[in-house]
Amino acid sequence: MNASDVMVHDVVTVGPEDDVSQAAQLLVDHDVSALPVIDGDRRVIGILSEADLLHREEIGTEKHRPWWLEAITPASALAFDYAKSHGRKVAEVMSDHVVSAGEDASLAELAGILERNRIKRVPILKDGKLVGIVSRSNLIQALASAPPAPADDQLADRGIRAAILAQLAKQSWTDFGERNIVVSNGVVHIWGLVSSPDERKALIALAEDVSGVREVSDEMIASY
């Protein structure tokens, strides 16, 4: 398996000129720990994470140093902290050091990236543009789904996953942004939150209707 086999396609993003308050609401609403910041061409120019919003003036958590420590702190560090605590636009608060990977990155490579950089998710790029994201939980989902399939079966699994995602993109009754699909040996594992029993049944039916699917494993979590 590689990044394209486990990544979430429907990525929640923000723009550099978006309000910090709106970005914070997106983190809450979608239960994610970070948001890729993209420009008009879907190129990732930064990451806005929970850590970037810890020290904020609005909630009284901005950094306060003793006068003697502030006197010896470089001006650049003081300016950095001020922007983090007072910035109103995403561009003023985001981290501009972006760690990313390509669609063909192996799961082992992705795990190494997450571990080395102490991050929770990796944007996946194609031709420099955002096409998905892989989180720690997506790797655990892949581990829990099934043992690795032979190379020929992996190609078939990728075709099944692509067909399911294409069908989901056409549906108006579901928001796939909170879910993920992992296919292994013809078994479709559907992960994530589901909003109603009817949606759950419909998602299973959609997957079962795709050619090549041997079985659907319901890994969904009810939010109703």
Foldseek 3Di string as FASTA:
>chain_A
DFQLQQFQQPADAAEQFDWPVVVVVVCVVLVHFKHFYADPVQFGQFMGGPVLQQAAPVVNRQDDDDPVVVVPDDPVVVCLSCLSHYPTGNNSRTGRDAAAEERGHHLVNVVVSCVVVVHFKHFYDDPRHGRGMGGPVSSVCQVVPDPADPPVQVVVQSVLQVVLVVVVVPDPPDDCNFWIWHGHSLEIEIEGEDEDPVRQVVSLVSSVPGPSRPYYHYHYDYPD
